Amino acid sequence: AARKQLRFPFKGNSMSVLDSVEGHLKNVAEGISGLKALYLSDRDGITLAKTTTADSKLDVSKLCAVFSSASEQASKLSLGPNSTIVTFSGEGFTIVQSILAPLVITFVGTGDLNVGLVQKKLPGLRDSLEGVREKVESVISSTS
């Protein structure tokens, strides 16, 4: 049976919506072995919502800003548009970042992060965040 996708249409004040998004991120994070944190940020690295299971000790704001730029460059490799990058660090972290312009979804985990399960959950997460993406994009457009 097909699962109904959860969407956030931005009804009510923005704090209650972001609280709902954080609750949704927590649900998505459940069952992903090795996951330390899941962040939703804008392209400049400003965290909009997050759920953490441990202190990740990473500057996610810098990661998001660099990812946005790296994703743009990776798209120029004649392999089509880039949407996700997986990074394995020498510090024992595994980072999966996915662009949902102008948003960035960041999974931070241990070296044992189940990247396959993260990849499996990403399409549904991206779909559920479409309303948030549209609102952030409209705010950015109105201030440009």
C-alpha atoms as a PDB file:
ATOM      1  CA  ALA A   1       0.000   0.000   0.000  1.00  0.00           C
ATOM      2  CA  ALA A   2       1.276   3.463  -0.868  1.00  0.00           C
ATOM      3  CA  ARG A   3       2.088   5.695   2.075  1.00  0.00           C
ATOM      4  CA  LYS A   4       0.592   9.148   2.235  1.00  0.00           C
ATOM      5  CA  GLN A   5       3.317  11.800   2.062  1.00  0.00           C
ATOM      6  CA  LEU A   6       3.435  14.344   4.874  1.00  0.00           C
ATOM      7  CA  ARG A   7       3.712  17.934   3.653  1.00  0.00           C
ATOM      8  CA  PHE A   8       4.153  21.176   5.519  1.00  0.00           C
ATOM      9  CA  PRO A   9       2.004  23.914   3.902  1.00  0.00           C
ATOM     10  CA  PHE A  10       3.071  26.636   6.384  1.00  0.00           C
ATOM     11  CA  LYS A  11      -0.289  27.193   8.070  1.00  0.00           C
ATOM     12  CA  GLY A  12       0.019  28.825  11.466  1.00  0.00           C
ATOM     13  CA  ASN A  13       3.037  30.619  12.819  1.00  0.00           C
ATOM     14  CA  SER A  14       6.487  29.688  11.556  1.00  0.00           C
ATOM     15  CA  MET A  15       7.688  28.377  14.931  1.00  0.00           C
ATOM     16  CA  SER A  16       4.916  25.781  15.151  1.00  0.00           C
ATOM     17  CA  VAL A  17       5.689  24.733  11.584  1.00  0.00           C
ATOM     18  CA  LEU A  18       9.401  24.366  12.355  1.00  0.00           C
ATOM     19  CA  ASP A  19       8.515  22.395  15.488  1.00  0.00           C
ATOM     20  CA  SER A  20       6.466  20.088  13.241  1.00  0.00           C
ATOM     21  CA  VAL A  21       9.385  19.797  10.829  1.00  0.00           C
ATOM     22  CA  GLU A  22      11.707  18.883  13.715  1.00  0.00           C
ATOM     23  CA  GLY A  23       9.237  16.204  14.816  1.00  0.00           C
ATOM     24  CA  HIS A  24       9.149  14.877  11.265  1.00  0.00           C
ATOM     25  CA  LEU A  25      12.965  14.831  11.076  1.00  0.00           C
ATOM     26  CA  LYS A  26      12.999  12.851  14.322  1.00  0.00           C
ATOM     27  CA  ASN A  27      10.619  10.286  12.790  1.00  0.00           C
ATOM     28  CA  VAL A  28      12.770  10.020   9.657  1.00  0.00           C
ATOM     29  CA  ALA A  29      15.908   9.578  11.778  1.00  0.00           C
ATOM     30  CA  GLU A  30      14.450   6.670  13.762  1.00  0.00           C
ATOM     31  CA  GLY A  31      15.940   3.338  12.809  1.00  0.00           C
ATOM     32  CA  ILE A  32      18.928   4.709  10.876  1.00  0.00           C
ATOM     33  CA  SER A  33      21.880   3.015  12.518  1.00  0.00           C
ATOM     34  CA  GLY A  34      24.923   5.206  13.082  1.00  0.00           C
ATOM     35  CA  LEU A  35      22.995   8.481  12.706  1.00  0.00           C
ATOM     36  CA  LYS A  36      24.035  11.271  15.093  1.00  0.00           C
ATOM     37  CA  ALA A  37      22.097  14.210  13.664  1.00  0.00           C
ATOM     38  CA  LEU A  38      19.771  15.308  10.867  1.00  0.00           C
ATOM     39  CA  TYR A  39      19.660  18.983   9.872  1.00  0.00           C
ATOM     40  CA  LEU A  40      17.543  21.097   7.554  1.00  0.00           C
ATOM     41  CA  SER A  41      19.368  24.291   6.619  1.00  0.00           C
ATOM     42  CA  ASP A  42      19.257  26.986   4.013  1.00  0.00           C
ATOM     43  CA  ARG A  43      21.982  27.196   1.356  1.00  0.00           C
ATOM     44  CA  ASP A  44      24.005  29.575   3.548  1.00  0.00           C
ATOM     45  CA  GLY A  45      24.073  27.078   6.422  1.00  0.00           C
ATOM     46  CA  ILE A  46      21.436  28.625   8.688  1.00  0.00           C
ATOM     47  CA  THR A  47      19.794  25.728  10.539  1.00  0.00           C
ATOM     48  CA  LEU A  48      15.998  25.761  10.262  1.00  0.00           C
ATOM     49  CA  ALA A  49      15.331  22.450  12.032  1.00  0.00           C
ATOM     50  CA  LYS A  50      17.353  19.587  13.453  1.00  0.00           C
ATOM     51  CA  THR A  51      17.227  16.428  15.450  1.00  0.00           C
ATOM     52  CA  THR A  52      20.280  15.042  17.205  1.00  0.00           C
ATOM     53  CA  THR A  53      21.059  11.855  19.072  1.00  0.00           C
ATOM     54  CA  ALA A  54      24.574  12.923  20.073  1.00  0.00           C
ATOM     55  CA  ASP A  55      26.916  15.867  19.814  1.00  0.00           C
ATOM     56  CA  SER A  56      28.194  15.686  16.239  1.00  0.00           C
ATOM     57  CA  LYS A  57      31.050  18.185  16.876  1.00  0.00           C
ATOM     58  CA  LEU A  58      30.840  19.413  13.297  1.00  0.00           C
ATOM     59  CA  ASP A  59      30.180  22.924  12.055  1.00  0.00           C
ATOM     60  CA  VAL A  60      27.159  22.092   9.936  1.00  0.00           C
ATOM     61  CA  SER A  61      26.731  25.704   8.796  1.00  0.00           C
ATOM     62  CA  LYS A  62      30.104  25.571   7.021  1.00  0.00           C
ATOM     63  CA  LEU A  63      29.335  22.112   5.630  1.00  0.00           C
ATOM     64  CA  CYS A  64      26.087  23.360   4.065  1.00  0.00           C
ATOM     65  CA  ALA A  65      27.655  26.420   2.479  1.00  0.00           C
ATOM     66  CA  VAL A  66      30.526  24.375   1.017  1.00  0.00           C
ATOM     67  CA  PHE A  67      28.129  21.628  -0.118  1.00  0.00           C
ATOM     68  CA  SER A  68      25.982  24.096  -2.062  1.00  0.00           C
ATOM     69  CA  SER A  69      29.052  25.311  -3.944  1.00  0.00           C
ATOM     70  CA  ALA A  70      30.495  21.795  -4.434  1.00  0.00           C
ATOM     71  CA  SER A  71      27.153  20.519  -5.686  1.00  0.00           C
ATOM     72  CA  GLU A  72      27.069  23.263  -8.314  1.00  0.00           C
ATOM     73  CA  GLN A  73      30.578  22.364  -9.463  1.00  0.00           C
ATOM     74  CA  ALA A  74      29.857  18.603  -9.492  1.00  0.00           C
ATOM     75  CA  SER A  75      26.898  19.258 -11.778  1.00  0.00           C
ATOM     76  CA  LYS A  76      29.379  20.545 -14.398  1.00  0.00           C
ATOM     77  CA  LEU A  77      30.994  17.101 -14.813  1.00  0.00           C
ATOM     78  CA  SER A  78      28.652  16.190 -17.698  1.00  0.00           C
ATOM     79  CA  LEU A  79      26.967  13.583 -15.479  1.00  0.00           C
ATOM     80  CA  GLY A  80      23.734  15.527 -15.034  1.00  0.00           C
ATOM     81  CA  PRO A  81      22.598  17.594 -12.100  1.00  0.00           C
ATOM     82  CA  ASN A  82      23.997  16.651  -8.708  1.00  0.00           C
ATOM     83  CA  SER A  83      21.545  16.183  -5.851  1.00  0.00           C
ATOM     84  CA  THR A  84      23.439  14.261  -3.156  1.00  0.00           C
ATOM     85  CA  ILE A  85      27.016  13.962  -1.942  1.00  0.00           C
ATOM     86  CA  VAL A  86      28.325  11.388   0.539  1.00  0.00           C
ATOM     87  CA  THR A  87      31.480  12.312   2.474  1.00  0.00           C
ATOM     88  CA  PHE A  88      33.589   9.936   4.550  1.00  0.00           C
ATOM     89  CA  SER A  89      35.898  11.911   6.835  1.00  0.00           C
ATOM     90  CA  GLY A  90      39.153  10.859   8.418  1.00  0.00           C
ATOM     91  CA  GLU A  91      37.620  11.878  11.757  1.00  0.00           C
ATOM     92  CA  GLY A  92      35.204   8.923  11.601  1.00  0.00           C
ATOM     93  CA  PHE A  93      32.168  10.840  10.350  1.00  0.00           C
ATOM     94  CA  THR A  94      29.940   9.961   7.426  1.00  0.00           C
ATOM     95  CA  ILE A  95      27.976  12.875   6.017  1.00  0.00           C
ATOM     96  CA  VAL A  96      25.166  12.622   3.467  1.00  0.00           C
ATOM     97  CA  GLN A  97      23.968  15.934   2.067  1.00  0.00           C
ATOM     98  CA  SER A  98      21.153  16.465  -0.380  1.00  0.00           C
ATOM     99  CA  ILE A  99      20.163  19.680  -2.106  1.00  0.00           C
ATOM    100  CA  LEU A 100      16.523  20.760  -2.183  1.00  0.00           C
ATOM    101  CA  ALA A 101      17.297  24.269  -3.415  1.00  0.00           C
ATOM    102  CA  PRO A 102      17.421  26.546  -1.568  1.00  0.00           C
ATOM    103  CA  LEU A 103      17.480  24.006   1.287  1.00  0.00           C
ATOM    104  CA  VAL A 104      20.150  21.492   2.280  1.00  0.00           C
ATOM    105  CA  ILE A 105      19.368  18.250   4.106  1.00  0.00           C
ATOM    106  CA  THR A 106      22.348  16.952   6.114  1.00  0.00           C
ATOM    107  CA  PHE A 107      22.670  13.548   7.781  1.00  0.00           C
ATOM    108  CA  VAL A 108      25.675  13.292  10.123  1.00  0.00           C
ATOM    109  CA  GLY A 109      26.680   9.856  11.330  1.00  0.00           C
ATOM    110  CA  THR A 110      29.467   7.649  12.506  1.00  0.00           C
ATOM    111  CA  GLY A 111      31.593   5.630  10.130  1.00  0.00           C
ATOM    112  CA  ASP A 112      28.904   2.947  10.447  1.00  0.00           C
ATOM    113  CA  LEU A 113      26.073   5.160   9.144  1.00  0.00           C
ATOM    114  CA  ASN A 114      23.648   3.103   7.056  1.00  0.00           C
ATOM    115  CA  VAL A 115      24.033   5.191   3.881  1.00  0.00           C
ATOM    116  CA  GLY A 116      21.759   2.856   1.905  1.00  0.00           C
ATOM    117  CA  LEU A 117      18.866   3.481   4.304  1.00  0.00           C
ATOM    118  CA  VAL A 118      19.541   7.227   4.226  1.00  0.00           C
ATOM    119  CA  GLN A 119      19.377   7.121   0.399  1.00  0.00           C
ATOM    120  CA  LYS A 120      16.140   5.133   0.610  1.00  0.00           C
ATOM    121  CA  LYS A 121      14.526   7.690   2.941  1.00  0.00           C
ATOM    122  CA  LEU A 122      15.676  10.799   1.048  1.00  0.00           C
ATOM    123  CA  PRO A 123      13.000  10.890  -1.717  1.00  0.00           C
ATOM    124  CA  GLY A 124      10.134  10.791   0.797  1.00  0.00           C
ATOM    125  CA  LEU A 125      11.828  13.372   3.002  1.00  0.00           C
ATOM    126  CA  ARG A 126      12.398  15.667   0.036  1.00  0.00           C
ATOM    127  CA  ASP A 127       8.741  15.344  -1.012  1.00  0.00           C
ATOM    128  CA  SER A 128       7.500  16.070   2.515  1.00  0.00           C
ATOM    129  CA  LEU A 129       9.615  19.230   2.738  1.00  0.00           C
ATOM    130  CA  GLU A 130       8.378  20.729  -0.534  1.00  0.00           C
ATOM    131  CA  GLY A 131       6.084  23.224   1.238  1.00  0.00           C
ATOM    132  CA  VAL A 132       8.957  24.428   3.412  1.00  0.00           C
ATOM    133  CA  ARG A 133      11.203  24.701   0.351  1.00  0.00           C
ATOM    134  CA  GLU A 134       8.603  26.796  -1.495  1.00  0.00           C
ATOM    135  CA  LYS A 135       8.180  29.156   1.452  1.00  0.00           C
ATOM    136  CA  VAL A 136      11.937  29.644   1.956  1.00  0.00           C
ATOM    137  CA  GLU A 137      12.384  30.212  -1.765  1.00  0.00           C
ATOM    138  CA  SER A 138       9.632  32.853  -1.793  1.00  0.00           C
ATOM    139  CA  VAL A 139      11.215  34.644   1.187  1.00  0.00           C
ATOM    140  CA  ILE A 140      14.618  34.651  -0.530  1.00  0.00           C
ATOM    141  CA  SER A 141      13.094  35.905  -3.794  1.00  0.00           C
ATOM    142  CA  SER A 142      11.247  38.725  -2.042  1.00  0.00           C
ATOM    143  CA  THR A 143      14.435  39.970  -0.368  1.00  0.00           C
ATOM    144  CA  SER A 144      16.624  39.842  -3.506  1.00  0.00           C
END
